[in-house]
């Protein structure tokens, strides 16, 4: 959240690309990534989630930047959607 607020350059990495193979018929991982929102984040304690989300001035803008980090021109999956 703080890096986002300070406009720091950020990178996204995947633990595994298993669900992102070009030959897969299962698009559920793509759907999950495309519909991901900070509002649906999980935390062990509800008050932790509330505290973190309270630091995000505009969740829609945060989500848009997250989508750009995943699918954008310089994003994690940039080569998958050429």
PDB file of N, CA and C in Angstrom:
ATOM      1  N   UNK A   1       0.831  -1.182   0.000  1.00  0.00           N
ATOM      2  CA  UNK A   1       0.000   0.000   0.000  1.00  0.00           C
ATOM      3  C   UNK A   1       0.877   1.247   0.000  1.00  0.00           C
ATOM      4  N   UNK A   2       1.921   1.245   0.815  1.00  0.00           N
ATOM      5  CA  UNK A   2       2.791   2.411   0.900  1.00  0.00           C
ATOM      6  C   UNK A   2       3.543   2.626  -0.411  1.00  0.00           C
ATOM      7  N   UNK A   3       4.005   1.569  -1.021  1.00  0.00           N
ATOM      8  CA  UNK A   3       4.698   1.696  -2.302  1.00  0.00           C
ATOM      9  C   UNK A   3       3.764   2.281  -3.352  1.00  0.00           C
ATOM     10  N   UNK A   4       2.520   1.843  -3.353  1.00  0.00           N
ATOM     11  CA  UNK A   4       1.519   2.379  -4.271  1.00  0.00           C
ATOM     12  C   UNK A   4       1.321   3.869  -4.026  1.00  0.00           C
ATOM     13  N   UNK A   5       1.193   4.253  -2.770  1.00  0.00           N
ATOM     14  CA  UNK A   5       0.969   5.656  -2.420  1.00  0.00           C
ATOM     15  C   UNK A   5       2.147   6.533  -2.820  1.00  0.00           C
ATOM     16  N   UNK A   6       3.350   5.962  -2.791  1.00  0.00           N
ATOM     17  CA  UNK A   6       4.557   6.720  -3.137  1.00  0.00           C
ATOM     18  C   UNK A   6       4.931   6.586  -4.614  1.00  0.00           C
ATOM     19  N   UNK A   7       4.068   5.918  -5.392  1.00  0.00           N
ATOM     20  CA  UNK A   7       4.329   5.692  -6.814  1.00  0.00           C
ATOM     21  C   UNK A   7       5.667   4.996  -7.065  1.00  0.00           C
ATOM     22  N   UNK A   8       6.022   4.069  -6.179  1.00  0.00           N
ATOM     23  CA  UNK A   8       7.257   3.303  -6.350  1.00  0.00           C
ATOM     24  C   UNK A   8       7.047   2.244  -7.413  1.00  0.00           C
ATOM     25  N   UNK A   9       8.068   1.989  -8.196  1.00  0.00           N
ATOM     26  CA  UNK A   9       8.017   0.941  -9.200  1.00  0.00           C
ATOM     27  C   UNK A   9       7.863  -0.399  -8.492  1.00  0.00           C
ATOM     28  N   UNK A  10       6.930  -1.217  -8.989  1.00  0.00           N
ATOM     29  CA  UNK A  10       6.663  -2.499  -8.367  1.00  0.00           C
ATOM     30  C   UNK A  10       6.703  -3.604  -9.415  1.00  0.00           C
ATOM     31  N   UNK A  11       7.009  -4.805  -8.973  1.00  0.00           N
ATOM     32  CA  UNK A  11       7.059  -5.968  -9.852  1.00  0.00           C
ATOM     33  C   UNK A  11       6.188  -7.065  -9.258  1.00  0.00           C
ATOM     34  N   UNK A  12       5.621  -7.887 -10.120  1.00  0.00           N
ATOM     35  CA  UNK A  12       4.783  -9.000  -9.703  1.00  0.00           C
ATOM     36  C   UNK A  12       5.431 -10.281 -10.201  1.00  0.00           C
ATOM     37  N   UNK A  13       5.452 -11.306  -9.355  1.00  0.00           N
ATOM     38  CA  UNK A  13       6.006 -12.593  -9.745  1.00  0.00           C
ATOM     39  C   UNK A  13       5.014 -13.689  -9.400  1.00  0.00           C
ATOM     40  N   UNK A  14       5.064 -14.752 -10.187  1.00  0.00           N
ATOM     41  CA  UNK A  14       4.245 -15.929  -9.919  1.00  0.00           C
ATOM     42  C   UNK A  14       5.120 -17.046  -9.380  1.00  0.00           C
ATOM     43  N   UNK A  15       4.583 -17.791  -8.450  1.00  0.00           N
ATOM     44  CA  UNK A  15       5.289 -18.953  -7.923  1.00  0.00           C
ATOM     45  C   UNK A  15       5.385 -20.034  -9.002  1.00  0.00           C
ATOM     46  N   UNK A  16       4.321 -20.175  -9.777  1.00  0.00           N
ATOM     47  CA  UNK A  16       4.275 -21.196 -10.816  1.00  0.00           C
ATOM     48  C   UNK A  16       3.447 -20.688 -11.990  1.00  0.00           C
ATOM     49  N   UNK A  17       3.833 -21.049 -13.195  1.00  0.00           N
ATOM     50  CA  UNK A  17       3.072 -20.680 -14.394  1.00  0.00           C
ATOM     51  C   UNK A  17       2.204 -21.838 -14.866  1.00  0.00           C
ATOM     52  N   UNK A  18       2.042 -22.852 -14.043  1.00  0.00           N
ATOM     53  CA  UNK A  18       1.314 -24.060 -14.434  1.00  0.00           C
ATOM     54  C   UNK A  18      -0.067 -23.730 -15.003  1.00  0.00           C
ATOM     55  N   UNK A  19      -0.821 -22.856 -14.374  1.00  0.00           N
ATOM     56  CA  UNK A  19      -2.167 -22.538 -14.836  1.00  0.00           C
ATOM     57  C   UNK A  19      -2.206 -21.541 -15.977  1.00  0.00           C
ATOM     58  N   UNK A  20      -1.048 -21.083 -16.435  1.00  0.00           N
ATOM     59  CA  UNK A  20      -0.990 -20.058 -17.474  1.00  0.00           C
ATOM     60  C   UNK A  20      -0.412 -20.575 -18.784  1.00  0.00           C
ATOM     61  N   UNK A  21      -0.366 -21.862 -18.946  1.00  0.00           N
ATOM     62  CA  UNK A  21       0.153 -22.422 -20.195  1.00  0.00           C
ATOM     63  C   UNK A  21      -0.713 -21.985 -21.371  1.00  0.00           C
ATOM     64  N   UNK A  22      -0.080 -21.783 -22.507  1.00  0.00           N
ATOM     65  CA  UNK A  22      -0.799 -21.357 -23.714  1.00  0.00           C
ATOM     66  C   UNK A  22      -1.793 -22.402 -24.210  1.00  0.00           C
ATOM     67  N   UNK A  23      -1.543 -23.654 -23.896  1.00  0.00           N
ATOM     68  CA  UNK A  23      -2.394 -24.720 -24.406  1.00  0.00           C
ATOM     69  C   UNK A  23      -3.508 -25.141 -23.443  1.00  0.00           C
ATOM     70  N   UNK A  24      -3.705 -24.394 -22.379  1.00  0.00           N
ATOM     71  CA  UNK A  24      -4.720 -24.770 -21.396  1.00  0.00           C
ATOM     72  C   UNK A  24      -6.120 -24.355 -21.850  1.00  0.00           C
ATOM     73  N   UNK A  25      -7.080 -25.197 -21.544  1.00  0.00           N
ATOM     74  CA  UNK A  25      -8.485 -24.863 -21.806  1.00  0.00           C
ATOM     75  C   UNK A  25      -9.147 -24.277 -20.567  1.00  0.00           C
ATOM     76  N   UNK A  26      -8.476 -24.393 -19.427  1.00  0.00           N
ATOM     77  CA  UNK A  26      -9.012 -23.892 -18.164  1.00  0.00           C
ATOM     78  C   UNK A  26      -8.564 -22.441 -17.972  1.00  0.00           C
ATOM     79  N   UNK A  27      -9.488 -21.536 -18.106  1.00  0.00           N
ATOM     80  CA  UNK A  27      -9.168 -20.112 -17.997  1.00  0.00           C
ATOM     81  C   UNK A  27      -9.480 -19.546 -16.622  1.00  0.00           C
ATOM     82  N   UNK A  28      -9.711 -20.398 -15.646  1.00  0.00           N
ATOM     83  CA  UNK A  28     -10.108 -19.922 -14.322  1.00  0.00           C
ATOM     84  C   UNK A  28      -9.042 -19.044 -13.670  1.00  0.00           C
ATOM     85  N   UNK A  29      -7.762 -19.347 -13.874  1.00  0.00           N
ATOM     86  CA  UNK A  29      -6.721 -18.514 -13.287  1.00  0.00           C
ATOM     87  C   UNK A  29      -6.708 -17.130 -13.931  1.00  0.00           C
ATOM     88  N   UNK A  30      -6.873 -17.079 -15.242  1.00  0.00           N
ATOM     89  CA  UNK A  30      -6.960 -15.781 -15.926  1.00  0.00           C
ATOM     90  C   UNK A  30      -8.149 -14.974 -15.393  1.00  0.00           C
ATOM     91  N   UNK A  31      -9.275 -15.630 -15.197  1.00  0.00           N
ATOM     92  CA  UNK A  31     -10.467 -14.953 -14.681  1.00  0.00           C
ATOM     93  C   UNK A  31     -10.199 -14.423 -13.274  1.00  0.00           C
ATOM     94  N   UNK A  32      -9.556 -15.237 -12.437  1.00  0.00           N
ATOM     95  CA  UNK A  32      -9.230 -14.790 -11.083  1.00  0.00           C
ATOM     96  C   UNK A  32      -8.319 -13.564 -11.116  1.00  0.00           C
ATOM     97  N   UNK A  33      -7.310 -13.592 -11.972  1.00  0.00           N
ATOM     98  CA  UNK A  33      -6.389 -12.455 -12.074  1.00  0.00           C
ATOM     99  C   UNK A  33      -7.097 -11.215 -12.615  1.00  0.00           C
ATOM    100  N   UNK A  34      -7.951 -11.402 -13.609  1.00  0.00           N
ATOM    101  CA  UNK A  34      -8.625 -10.266 -14.250  1.00  0.00           C
ATOM    102  C   UNK A  34      -9.669  -9.628 -13.347  1.00  0.00           C
ATOM    103  N   UNK A  35     -10.190 -10.373 -12.390  1.00  0.00           N
ATOM    104  CA  UNK A  35     -11.235  -9.837 -11.514  1.00  0.00           C
ATOM    105  C   UNK A  35     -10.729  -9.581 -10.098  1.00  0.00           C
ATOM    106  N   UNK A  36      -9.428  -9.695  -9.901  1.00  0.00           N
ATOM    107  CA  UNK A  36      -8.851  -9.490  -8.577  1.00  0.00           C
ATOM    108  C   UNK A  36      -9.065  -8.053  -8.106  1.00  0.00           C
ATOM    109  N   UNK A  37      -9.436  -7.907  -6.847  1.00  0.00           N
ATOM    110  CA  UNK A  37      -9.621  -6.581  -6.261  1.00  0.00           C
ATOM    111  C   UNK A  37      -9.127  -6.593  -4.825  1.00  0.00           C
ATOM    112  N   UNK A  38      -8.545  -5.498  -4.410  1.00  0.00           N
ATOM    113  CA  UNK A  38      -8.068  -5.381  -3.033  1.00  0.00           C
ATOM    114  C   UNK A  38      -9.213  -5.530  -2.041  1.00  0.00           C
ATOM    115  N   UNK A  39     -10.401  -5.170  -2.444  1.00  0.00           N
ATOM    116  CA  UNK A  39     -11.563  -5.258  -1.556  1.00  0.00           C
ATOM    117  C   UNK A  39     -11.846  -6.698  -1.130  1.00  0.00           C
ATOM    118  N   UNK A  40     -11.405  -7.671  -1.918  1.00  0.00           N
ATOM    119  CA  UNK A  40     -11.636  -9.074  -1.591  1.00  0.00           C
ATOM    120  C   UNK A  40     -10.431  -9.728  -0.925  1.00  0.00           C
ATOM    121  N   UNK A  41      -9.464  -8.930  -0.509  1.00  0.00           N
ATOM    122  CA  UNK A  41      -8.280  -9.477   0.148  1.00  0.00           C
ATOM    123  C   UNK A  41      -8.686 -10.178   1.442  1.00  0.00           C
ATOM    124  N   UNK A  42      -7.840 -11.085   1.867  1.00  0.00           N
ATOM    125  CA  UNK A  42      -8.114 -11.819   3.104  1.00  0.00           C
ATOM    126  C   UNK A  42      -7.001 -11.560   4.105  1.00  0.00           C
ATOM    127  N   UNK A  43      -7.351 -11.622   5.371  1.00  0.00           N
ATOM    128  CA  UNK A  43      -6.391 -11.490   6.461  1.00  0.00           C
ATOM    129  C   UNK A  43      -6.838 -12.411   7.583  1.00  0.00           C
ATOM    130  N   UNK A  44      -5.905 -12.779   8.430  1.00  0.00           N
ATOM    131  CA  UNK A  44      -6.248 -13.648   9.547  1.00  0.00           C
ATOM    132  C   UNK A  44      -7.263 -12.986  10.459  1.00  0.00           C
ATOM    133  N   UNK A  45      -7.071 -11.700  10.691  1.00  0.00           N
ATOM    134  CA  UNK A  45      -7.993 -10.955  11.555  1.00  0.00           C
ATOM    135  C   UNK A  45      -8.711  -9.896  10.733  1.00  0.00           C
ATOM    136  N   UNK A  46     -10.009  -9.789  10.867  1.00  0.00           N
ATOM    137  CA  UNK A  46     -10.765  -8.780  10.098  1.00  0.00           C
ATOM    138  C   UNK A  46     -10.248  -7.359  10.303  1.00  0.00           C
ATOM    139  N   UNK A  47      -9.794  -7.056  11.517  1.00  0.00           N
ATOM    140  CA  UNK A  47      -9.292  -5.702  11.781  1.00  0.00           C
ATOM    141  C   UNK A  47      -8.005  -5.410  11.016  1.00  0.00           C
ATOM    142  N   UNK A  48      -7.224  -6.451  10.709  1.00  0.00           N
ATOM    143  CA  UNK A  48      -6.027  -6.254   9.883  1.00  0.00           C
ATOM    144  C   UNK A  48      -6.422  -5.864   8.469  1.00  0.00           C
ATOM    145  N   UNK A  49      -7.404  -6.565   7.918  1.00  0.00           N
ATOM    146  CA  UNK A  49      -7.887  -6.231   6.579  1.00  0.00           C
ATOM    147  C   UNK A  49      -8.419  -4.810   6.555  1.00  0.00           C
ATOM    148  N   UNK A  50      -9.212  -4.456   7.552  1.00  0.00           N
ATOM    149  CA  UNK A  50      -9.771  -3.106   7.614  1.00  0.00           C
ATOM    150  C   UNK A  50      -8.672  -2.052   7.689  1.00  0.00           C
ATOM    151  N   UNK A  51      -7.639  -2.308   8.477  1.00  0.00           N
ATOM    152  CA  UNK A  51      -6.533  -1.352   8.620  1.00  0.00           C
ATOM    153  C   UNK A  51      -5.777  -1.187   7.307  1.00  0.00           C
ATOM    154  N   UNK A  52      -5.556  -2.289   6.601  1.00  0.00           N
ATOM    155  CA  UNK A  52      -4.835  -2.220   5.327  1.00  0.00           C
ATOM    156  C   UNK A  52      -5.669  -1.496   4.276  1.00  0.00           C
ATOM    157  N   UNK A  53      -6.936  -1.863   4.153  1.00  0.00           N
ATOM    158  CA  UNK A  53      -7.799  -1.224   3.158  1.00  0.00           C
ATOM    159  C   UNK A  53      -7.997   0.264   3.459  1.00  0.00           C
ATOM    160  N   UNK A  54      -7.960   0.634   4.726  1.00  0.00           N
ATOM    161  CA  UNK A  54      -8.113   2.043   5.101  1.00  0.00           C
ATOM    162  C   UNK A  54      -6.948   2.895   4.590  1.00  0.00           C
ATOM    163  N   UNK A  55      -5.818   2.252   4.332  1.00  0.00           N
ATOM    164  CA  UNK A  55      -4.645   2.984   3.831  1.00  0.00           C
ATOM    165  C   UNK A  55      -4.687   3.192   2.323  1.00  0.00           C
ATOM    166  N   UNK A  56      -5.641   2.578   1.648  1.00  0.00           N
ATOM    167  CA  UNK A  56      -5.768   2.724   0.195  1.00  0.00           C
ATOM    168  C   UNK A  56      -6.797   3.821  -0.070  1.00  0.00           C
ATOM    169  N   UNK A  57      -6.364   4.983  -0.566  1.00  0.00           N
ATOM    170  CA  UNK A  57      -7.303   6.095  -0.763  1.00  0.00           C
ATOM    171  C   UNK A  57      -8.417   5.773  -1.759  1.00  0.00           C
ATOM    172  N   UNK A  58      -8.089   5.058  -2.827  1.00  0.00           N
ATOM    173  CA  UNK A  58      -9.080   4.739  -3.857  1.00  0.00           C
ATOM    174  C   UNK A  58      -8.839   3.297  -4.312  1.00  0.00           C
ATOM    175  N   UNK A  59      -9.693   2.405  -3.868  1.00  0.00           N
ATOM    176  CA  UNK A  59      -9.515   0.993  -4.198  1.00  0.00           C
ATOM    177  C   UNK A  59      -9.617   0.764  -5.705  1.00  0.00           C
ATOM    178  N   UNK A  60     -10.504   1.484  -6.381  1.00  0.00           N
ATOM    179  CA  UNK A  60     -10.642   1.316  -7.838  1.00  0.00           C
ATOM    180  C   UNK A  60      -9.332   1.675  -8.545  1.00  0.00           C
ATOM    181  N   UNK A  61      -8.684   2.747  -8.126  1.00  0.00           N
ATOM    182  CA  UNK A  61      -7.406   3.144  -8.737  1.00  0.00           C
ATOM    183  C   UNK A  61      -6.322   2.114  -8.398  1.00  0.00           C
ATOM    184  N   UNK A  62      -6.306   1.660  -7.165  1.00  0.00           N
ATOM    185  CA  UNK A  62      -5.342   0.636  -6.753  1.00  0.00           C
ATOM    186  C   UNK A  62      -5.525  -0.619  -7.594  1.00  0.00           C
ATOM    187  N   UNK A  63      -6.782  -1.040  -7.767  1.00  0.00           N
ATOM    188  CA  UNK A  63      -7.080  -2.226  -8.577  1.00  0.00           C
ATOM    189  C   UNK A  63      -6.650  -2.033 -10.025  1.00  0.00           C
ATOM    190  N   UNK A  64      -6.849  -0.845 -10.568  1.00  0.00           N
ATOM    191  CA  UNK A  64      -6.445  -0.565 -11.946  1.00  0.00           C
ATOM    192  C   UNK A  64      -4.929  -0.687 -12.100  1.00  0.00           C
ATOM    193  N   UNK A  65      -4.200  -0.203 -11.109  1.00  0.00           N
ATOM    194  CA  UNK A  65      -2.740  -0.322 -11.163  1.00  0.00           C
ATOM    195  C   UNK A  65      -2.303  -1.778 -11.024  1.00  0.00           C
ATOM    196  N   UNK A  66      -3.019  -2.518 -10.198  1.00  0.00           N
ATOM    197  CA  UNK A  66      -2.728  -3.941 -10.062  1.00  0.00           C
ATOM    198  C   UNK A  66      -2.946  -4.661 -11.390  1.00  0.00           C
ATOM    199  N   UNK A  67      -4.044  -4.352 -12.064  1.00  0.00           N
ATOM    200  CA  UNK A  67      -4.321  -4.956 -13.368  1.00  0.00           C
ATOM    201  C   UNK A  67      -3.240  -4.591 -14.379  1.00  0.00           C
ATOM    202  N   UNK A  68      -2.758  -3.357 -14.325  1.00  0.00           N
ATOM    203  CA  UNK A  68      -1.678  -2.942 -15.229  1.00  0.00           C
ATOM    204  C   UNK A  68      -0.395  -3.708 -14.919  1.00  0.00           C
ATOM    205  N   UNK A  69      -0.144  -3.971 -13.638  1.00  0.00           N
ATOM    206  CA  UNK A  69       1.050  -4.728 -13.253  1.00  0.00           C
ATOM    207  C   UNK A  69       0.958  -6.179 -13.729  1.00  0.00           C
ATOM    208  N   UNK A  70      -0.254  -6.671 -13.886  1.00  0.00           N
ATOM    209  CA  UNK A  70      -0.439  -8.053 -14.337  1.00  0.00           C
ATOM    210  C   UNK A  70      -0.545  -8.136 -15.855  1.00  0.00           C
ATOM    211  N   UNK A  71      -1.419  -7.326 -16.446  1.00  0.00           N
ATOM    212  CA  UNK A  71      -1.750  -7.462 -17.867  1.00  0.00           C
ATOM    213  C   UNK A  71      -1.229  -6.326 -18.752  1.00  0.00           C
ATOM    214  N   UNK A  72      -0.684  -5.279 -18.164  1.00  0.00           N
ATOM    215  CA  UNK A  72      -0.287  -4.098 -18.923  1.00  0.00           C
ATOM    216  C   UNK A  72       0.912  -4.308 -19.832  1.00  0.00           C
ATOM    217  N   UNK A  73       1.281  -3.261 -20.519  1.00  0.00           N
ATOM    218  CA  UNK A  73       2.384  -3.289 -21.495  1.00  0.00           C
ATOM    219  C   UNK A  73       3.678  -3.834 -20.898  1.00  0.00           C
ATOM    220  N   UNK A  74       3.942  -3.508 -19.639  1.00  0.00           N
ATOM    221  CA  UNK A  74       5.144  -3.991 -18.962  1.00  0.00           C
ATOM    222  C   UNK A  74       4.782  -4.969 -17.852  1.00  0.00           C
ATOM    223  N   UNK A  75       3.597  -5.524 -17.916  1.00  0.00           N
ATOM    224  CA  UNK A  75       3.091  -6.382 -16.855  1.00  0.00           C
ATOM    225  C   UNK A  75       3.586  -7.807 -16.906  1.00  0.00           C
ATOM    226  N   UNK A  76       3.204  -8.533 -15.897  1.00  0.00           N
ATOM    227  CA  UNK A  76       3.599  -9.916 -15.715  1.00  0.00           C
ATOM    228  C   UNK A  76       3.233 -10.794 -16.910  1.00  0.00           C
ATOM    229  N   UNK A  77       2.061 -10.584 -17.478  1.00  0.00           N
ATOM    230  CA  UNK A  77       1.581 -11.435 -18.563  1.00  0.00           C
ATOM    231  C   UNK A  77       1.603 -10.734 -19.913  1.00  0.00           C
ATOM    232  N   UNK A  78       2.447  -9.757 -20.091  1.00  0.00           N
ATOM    233  CA  UNK A  78       2.476  -8.964 -21.325  1.00  0.00           C
ATOM    234  C   UNK A  78       2.654  -9.824 -22.577  1.00  0.00           C
ATOM    235  N   UNK A  79       3.402 -10.888 -22.487  1.00  0.00           N
ATOM    236  CA  UNK A  79       3.652 -11.726 -23.654  1.00  0.00           C
ATOM    237  C   UNK A  79       2.500 -12.665 -23.983  1.00  0.00           C
ATOM    238  N   UNK A  80       1.581 -12.836 -23.077  1.00  0.00           N
ATOM    239  CA  UNK A  80       0.474 -13.769 -23.284  1.00  0.00           C
ATOM    240  C   UNK A  80      -0.637 -13.173 -24.122  1.00  0.00           C
ATOM    241  N   UNK A  81      -0.692 -11.841 -24.260  1.00  0.00           N
ATOM    242  CA  UNK A  81      -1.809 -11.189 -24.939  1.00  0.00           C
ATOM    243  C   UNK A  81      -1.325 -10.287 -26.053  1.00  0.00           C
ATOM    244  N   UNK A  82      -0.514 -10.831 -26.928  1.00  0.00           N
ATOM    245  CA  UNK A  82       0.033 -10.046 -28.044  1.00  0.00           C
ATOM    246  C   UNK A  82      -0.835 -10.242 -29.258  1.00  0.00           C
TER     247      UNK A  82
END
